[in-house]
Structure formats: C-alpha cells, structure tokens
Amino acid sequence: MQNQFKDIFKGKVIIAGVGNILRADDAFGPRLIEAIEKRVNAVCFDLGTAPENYIGKIAKQGPDTVLIVDAVDLGKNPGSFQLLRGKDIINSGFTTHDLSPRMFIDFLKSQTKAEIYLLGVQPQTTAFGEEMSEKMTEALEKIAVSIKEALGCTKLIS
C-alpha cells in the first residue's frame, strides 16, 4: 500500500489535531499529535476544540502544507479514514465541533499559501468520559507510523 502522506507533504509541514480528549473517539486529533510531536520533521499543534484560536500561530510558521486531523462522520466503518482535499472537504460529513472544518480551512487558506488537507477519521462513539475505541486506537497507530515514514523521524521512538 502506498503511503498517501508522502504525496502531500511538501516543504514546511504543519500537522494540526482537532478534538476533545474527554469525548472518546473525538480525542483522535490530539492523541495523534501526542504520538508524533517532536518525533517527526513537522510542526505539530493540538488545536483542541477551538482551532480558530490557532490560525495566527499556524500562519506565522509560513507552512507549505497543513494537515488537519479530526474525527469526522464519513459514513464509513469506525476507524476508517480518508484524506480530503479542497472541495472534497465540503462534502465530508460533520465534526463534533462548533466551527465547521470548511470555515476554518477557508480562513486558514486566506492567511497562508499552504496546501491544506483534512484527514477525517470515522469515530465509533463520541460519548463524554469514554476512552477512545479500539478501532480508533488501531487507526491512530497505523496513521502515526505512516506519517513518521513520510516525514522521517527526528529521533528513535521507544
């Protein structure tokens, strides 16, 4: 299987995780950032549930590529993921956040010249106070390895 991240990561890369760590599978974005931060050749941000608060910080980095990672209803099996580009993001379903991914991406695009992608991962549950599901944990491990391979590790991971 081809590593789809190798095809999109160009120049200075920012990976931004969106989600609520208290809501089961909605924690996917922040948990991925936790797994790869300081281990890959990219700037990583945990945007939590308020990605709009980070637009200035992201723009200040002058990125060429921005990958936003979020739990998104794709209408697929839990743990399934899809890399969305441009107009595909409009039809991607919904997230559990107040600000739509499209609004955030449009505003971010107006502030940078970066190519912006959304990695949507299908949640099983977003129940408050629950742990991330097994399917999402498996997806997290697979995606983290693929991103590390695509970007190169900055140090050994134990």
C-alpha atoms as a PDB file:
ATOM      1  CA  MET A   1       0.000   0.000   0.000  1.00  0.00           C
ATOM      2  CA  GLN A   2       1.338   3.419  -0.973  1.00  0.00           C
ATOM      3  CA  ASN A   3       1.894   5.958   1.781  1.00  0.00           C
ATOM      4  CA  GLN A   4      -0.517   8.749   0.798  1.00  0.00           C
ATOM      5  CA  PHE A   5       1.222  11.231   3.096  1.00  0.00           C
ATOM      6  CA  LYS A   6       4.432  11.098   1.036  1.00  0.00           C
ATOM      7  CA  ASP A   7       2.467  12.556  -1.871  1.00  0.00           C
ATOM      8  CA  ILE A   8       1.162  15.581   0.027  1.00  0.00           C
ATOM      9  CA  PHE A   9       3.938  16.579   2.432  1.00  0.00           C
ATOM     10  CA  LYS A  10       5.896  19.319   0.660  1.00  0.00           C
ATOM     11  CA  GLY A  11       8.155  21.980   2.173  1.00  0.00           C
ATOM     12  CA  LYS A  12       7.389  23.095   5.709  1.00  0.00           C
ATOM     13  CA  VAL A  13       4.679  20.852   7.148  1.00  0.00           C
ATOM     14  CA  ILE A  14       2.242  21.553   9.960  1.00  0.00           C
ATOM     15  CA  ILE A  15       0.074  18.809  11.431  1.00  0.00           C
ATOM     16  CA  ALA A  16      -2.873  20.070  13.463  1.00  0.00           C
ATOM     17  CA  GLY A  17      -5.044  17.805  15.588  1.00  0.00           C
ATOM     18  CA  VAL A  18      -8.605  18.865  16.387  1.00  0.00           C
ATOM     19  CA  GLY A  19     -10.754  17.240  19.048  1.00  0.00           C
ATOM     20  CA  ASN A  20     -11.929  16.887  22.606  1.00  0.00           C
ATOM     21  CA  ILE A  21      -9.894  14.464  24.724  1.00  0.00           C
ATOM     22  CA  LEU A  22     -12.881  13.974  27.059  1.00  0.00           C
ATOM     23  CA  ARG A  23     -15.161  12.630  24.308  1.00  0.00           C
ATOM     24  CA  ALA A  24     -13.967   9.130  23.348  1.00  0.00           C
ATOM     25  CA  ASP A  25     -13.063   8.970  19.635  1.00  0.00           C
ATOM     26  CA  ASP A  26     -13.205  12.744  19.283  1.00  0.00           C
ATOM     27  CA  ALA A  27      -9.805  12.663  21.002  1.00  0.00           C
ATOM     28  CA  PHE A  28      -8.211  11.277  17.824  1.00  0.00           C
ATOM     29  CA  GLY A  29      -6.632  14.544  16.619  1.00  0.00           C
ATOM     30  CA  PRO A  30      -4.985  15.479  19.930  1.00  0.00           C
ATOM     31  CA  ARG A  31      -3.890  11.867  20.563  1.00  0.00           C
ATOM     32  CA  LEU A  32      -2.213  11.684  17.152  1.00  0.00           C
ATOM     33  CA  ILE A  33      -0.328  14.916  17.871  1.00  0.00           C
ATOM     34  CA  GLU A  34       0.768  13.446  21.204  1.00  0.00           C
ATOM     35  CA  ALA A  35       2.054  10.328  19.396  1.00  0.00           C
ATOM     36  CA  ILE A  36       4.106  12.152  16.742  1.00  0.00           C
ATOM     37  CA  GLU A  37       5.049  15.530  18.241  1.00  0.00           C
ATOM     38  CA  LYS A  38       8.827  16.040  18.426  1.00  0.00           C
ATOM     39  CA  ARG A  39       9.247  12.736  16.594  1.00  0.00           C
ATOM     40  CA  VAL A  40       8.703  13.961  13.031  1.00  0.00           C
ATOM     41  CA  ASN A  41      10.096  16.704  10.839  1.00  0.00           C
ATOM     42  CA  ALA A  42       6.967  18.857  11.135  1.00  0.00           C
ATOM     43  CA  VAL A  43       5.466  21.461  13.435  1.00  0.00           C
ATOM     44  CA  CYS A  44       2.617  19.884  15.423  1.00  0.00           C
ATOM     45  CA  PHE A  45      -0.261  21.671  17.115  1.00  0.00           C
ATOM     46  CA  ASP A  46      -3.004  20.282  19.354  1.00  0.00           C
ATOM     47  CA  LEU A  47      -5.854  22.652  18.462  1.00  0.00           C
ATOM     48  CA  GLY A  48      -8.296  21.141  20.921  1.00  0.00           C
ATOM     49  CA  THR A  49     -11.879  22.160  20.207  1.00  0.00           C
ATOM     50  CA  ALA A  50     -11.094  25.739  19.172  1.00  0.00           C
ATOM     51  CA  PRO A  51      -8.975  25.550  16.013  1.00  0.00           C
ATOM     52  CA  GLU A  52      -9.793  29.149  15.133  1.00  0.00           C
ATOM     53  CA  ASN A  53      -7.618  30.267  18.057  1.00  0.00           C
ATOM     54  CA  TYR A  54      -4.536  28.863  16.285  1.00  0.00           C
ATOM     55  CA  ILE A  55      -4.896  30.408  12.837  1.00  0.00           C
ATOM     56  CA  GLY A  56      -2.383  33.161  13.655  1.00  0.00           C
ATOM     57  CA  LYS A  57       0.130  30.703  15.121  1.00  0.00           C
ATOM     58  CA  ILE A  58      -0.145  28.436  12.095  1.00  0.00           C
ATOM     59  CA  ALA A  59       0.130  31.332   9.624  1.00  0.00           C
ATOM     60  CA  LYS A  60       3.180  32.693  11.473  1.00  0.00           C
ATOM     61  CA  GLN A  61       5.005  29.397  10.749  1.00  0.00           C
ATOM     62  CA  GLY A  62       4.754  30.030   6.977  1.00  0.00           C
ATOM     63  CA  PRO A  63       3.728  26.467   6.117  1.00  0.00           C
ATOM     64  CA  ASP A  64       3.703  24.921   2.656  1.00  0.00           C
ATOM     65  CA  THR A  65       1.469  22.027   3.738  1.00  0.00           C
ATOM     66  CA  VAL A  66      -1.081  21.837   6.550  1.00  0.00           C
ATOM     67  CA  LEU A  67      -2.677  18.530   7.545  1.00  0.00           C
ATOM     68  CA  ILE A  68      -5.689  18.884   9.835  1.00  0.00           C
ATOM     69  CA  VAL A  69      -6.652  15.676  11.635  1.00  0.00           C
ATOM     70  CA  ASP A  70     -10.136  15.282  13.086  1.00  0.00           C
ATOM     71  CA  ALA A  71     -12.851  12.744  13.857  1.00  0.00           C
ATOM     72  CA  VAL A  72     -15.347  13.213  11.024  1.00  0.00           C
ATOM     73  CA  ASP A  73     -18.555  11.397  10.138  1.00  0.00           C
ATOM     74  CA  LEU A  74     -17.611   9.884   6.790  1.00  0.00           C
ATOM     75  CA  GLY A  75     -20.447   7.367   6.793  1.00  0.00           C
ATOM     76  CA  LYS A  76     -17.883   4.546   6.980  1.00  0.00           C
ATOM     77  CA  ASN A  77     -16.821   1.882   9.474  1.00  0.00           C
ATOM     78  CA  PRO A  78     -15.256   3.117  12.740  1.00  0.00           C
ATOM     79  CA  GLY A  79     -11.527   3.698  12.358  1.00  0.00           C
ATOM     80  CA  SER A  80     -11.785   4.222   8.585  1.00  0.00           C
ATOM     81  CA  PHE A  81     -10.028   7.315   7.376  1.00  0.00           C
ATOM     82  CA  GLN A  82      -9.933   9.462   4.294  1.00  0.00           C
ATOM     83  CA  LEU A  83      -7.583  12.191   3.148  1.00  0.00           C
ATOM     84  CA  LEU A  84      -9.710  15.044   1.859  1.00  0.00           C
ATOM     85  CA  ARG A  85      -8.565  17.869  -0.376  1.00  0.00           C
ATOM     86  CA  GLY A  86     -10.179  21.115  -1.485  1.00  0.00           C
ATOM     87  CA  LYS A  87     -13.827  20.766  -2.445  1.00  0.00           C
ATOM     88  CA  ASP A  88     -13.971  17.216  -1.016  1.00  0.00           C
ATOM     89  CA  ILE A  89     -13.883  18.810   2.439  1.00  0.00           C
ATOM     90  CA  ILE A  90     -17.258  20.472   1.827  1.00  0.00           C
ATOM     91  CA  ASN A  91     -18.914  17.075   1.406  1.00  0.00           C
ATOM     92  CA  SER A  92     -17.065  15.331   4.236  1.00  0.00           C
ATOM     93  CA  GLY A  93     -19.873  14.986   6.736  1.00  0.00           C
ATOM     94  CA  PHE A  94     -19.669  16.708  10.067  1.00  0.00           C
ATOM     95  CA  THR A  95     -17.436  17.040  13.054  1.00  0.00           C
ATOM     96  CA  THR A  96     -18.499  17.470  16.642  1.00  0.00           C
ATOM     97  CA  HIS A  97     -17.109  20.994  16.829  1.00  0.00           C
ATOM     98  CA  ASP A  98     -18.879  24.331  16.655  1.00  0.00           C
ATOM     99  CA  LEU A  99     -16.814  25.642  13.750  1.00  0.00           C
ATOM    100  CA  SER A 100     -17.129  23.687  10.512  1.00  0.00           C
ATOM    101  CA  PRO A 101     -13.859  22.368   9.099  1.00  0.00           C
ATOM    102  CA  ARG A 102     -14.619  24.176   5.838  1.00  0.00           C
ATOM    103  CA  MET A 103     -14.900  27.597   7.539  1.00  0.00           C
ATOM    104  CA  PHE A 104     -11.662  27.013   9.416  1.00  0.00           C
ATOM    105  CA  ILE A 105      -9.857  25.830   6.291  1.00  0.00           C
ATOM    106  CA  ASP A 106     -11.151  28.722   4.179  1.00  0.00           C
ATOM    107  CA  PHE A 107      -9.951  31.244   6.743  1.00  0.00           C
ATOM    108  CA  LEU A 108      -6.603  29.487   7.177  1.00  0.00           C
ATOM    109  CA  LYS A 109      -6.168  29.430   3.392  1.00  0.00           C
ATOM    110  CA  SER A 110      -6.750  33.203   3.293  1.00  0.00           C
ATOM    111  CA  GLN A 111      -3.896  33.645   5.807  1.00  0.00           C
ATOM    112  CA  THR A 112      -1.349  31.258   4.225  1.00  0.00           C
ATOM    113  CA  LYS A 113      -0.287  29.985   0.826  1.00  0.00           C
ATOM    114  CA  ALA A 114      -0.296  26.413   2.133  1.00  0.00           C
ATOM    115  CA  GLU A 115      -1.926  23.396   0.582  1.00  0.00           C
ATOM    116  CA  ILE A 116      -4.453  22.312   3.199  1.00  0.00           C
ATOM    117  CA  TYR A 117      -5.732  18.778   3.715  1.00  0.00           C
ATOM    118  CA  LEU A 118      -8.160  17.215   6.164  1.00  0.00           C
ATOM    119  CA  LEU A 119      -7.566  13.695   7.407  1.00  0.00           C
ATOM    120  CA  GLY A 120     -11.015  12.592   8.541  1.00  0.00           C
ATOM    121  CA  VAL A 121     -11.258   9.529  10.743  1.00  0.00           C
ATOM    122  CA  GLN A 122     -14.638   7.853  11.330  1.00  0.00           C
ATOM    123  CA  PRO A 123     -15.479   7.739  15.062  1.00  0.00           C
ATOM    124  CA  GLN A 124     -17.373   4.894  16.693  1.00  0.00           C
ATOM    125  CA  THR A 125     -18.505   6.955  19.669  1.00  0.00           C
ATOM    126  CA  THR A 126     -18.032  10.470  20.978  1.00  0.00           C
ATOM    127  CA  ALA A 127     -19.606   9.796  24.371  1.00  0.00           C
ATOM    128  CA  PHE A 128     -18.398  12.086  27.128  1.00  0.00           C
ATOM    129  CA  GLY A 129     -15.980  10.474  29.576  1.00  0.00           C
ATOM    130  CA  GLU A 130     -15.321   7.363  27.491  1.00  0.00           C
ATOM    131  CA  GLU A 131     -11.935   6.109  26.296  1.00  0.00           C
ATOM    132  CA  MET A 132     -11.055   6.061  22.622  1.00  0.00           C
ATOM    133  CA  SER A 133     -12.429   2.920  20.928  1.00  0.00           C
ATOM    134  CA  GLU A 134     -10.229   0.019  19.880  1.00  0.00           C
ATOM    135  CA  LYS A 135     -10.850   0.734  16.173  1.00  0.00           C
ATOM    136  CA  MET A 136      -9.701   4.343  16.577  1.00  0.00           C
ATOM    137  CA  THR A 137      -6.650   3.288  18.595  1.00  0.00           C
ATOM    138  CA  GLU A 138      -5.687   0.891  15.787  1.00  0.00           C
ATOM    139  CA  ALA A 139      -6.198   3.647  13.198  1.00  0.00           C
ATOM    140  CA  LEU A 140      -4.091   6.027  15.288  1.00  0.00           C
ATOM    141  CA  GLU A 141      -1.168   3.601  15.372  1.00  0.00           C
ATOM    142  CA  LYS A 142      -1.367   2.964  11.622  1.00  0.00           C
ATOM    143  CA  ILE A 143      -1.602   6.661  10.738  1.00  0.00           C
ATOM    144  CA  ALA A 144       1.191   7.643  13.142  1.00  0.00           C
ATOM    145  CA  VAL A 145       3.535   5.100  11.523  1.00  0.00           C
ATOM    146  CA  SER A 146       2.628   6.319   8.021  1.00  0.00           C
ATOM    147  CA  ILE A 147       3.234   9.960   8.959  1.00  0.00           C
ATOM    148  CA  LYS A 148       6.571   9.100  10.596  1.00  0.00           C
ATOM    149  CA  GLU A 149       7.634   7.198   7.462  1.00  0.00           C
ATOM    150  CA  ALA A 150       6.563  10.055   5.184  1.00  0.00           C
ATOM    151  CA  LEU A 151       8.259  12.815   7.184  1.00  0.00           C
ATOM    152  CA  GLY A 152      11.194  10.987   8.677  1.00  0.00           C
ATOM    153  CA  CYS A 153      11.661  10.553  12.401  1.00  0.00           C
ATOM    154  CA  THR A 154      13.710  13.118  14.278  1.00  0.00           C
ATOM    155  CA  LYS A 155      14.695  10.587  16.927  1.00  0.00           C
ATOM    156  CA  LEU A 156      14.179   6.986  17.903  1.00  0.00           C
ATOM    157  CA  ILE A 157      10.782   6.176  19.353  1.00  0.00           C
ATOM    158  CA  SER A 158      10.574   3.686  22.178  1.00  0.00           C
END
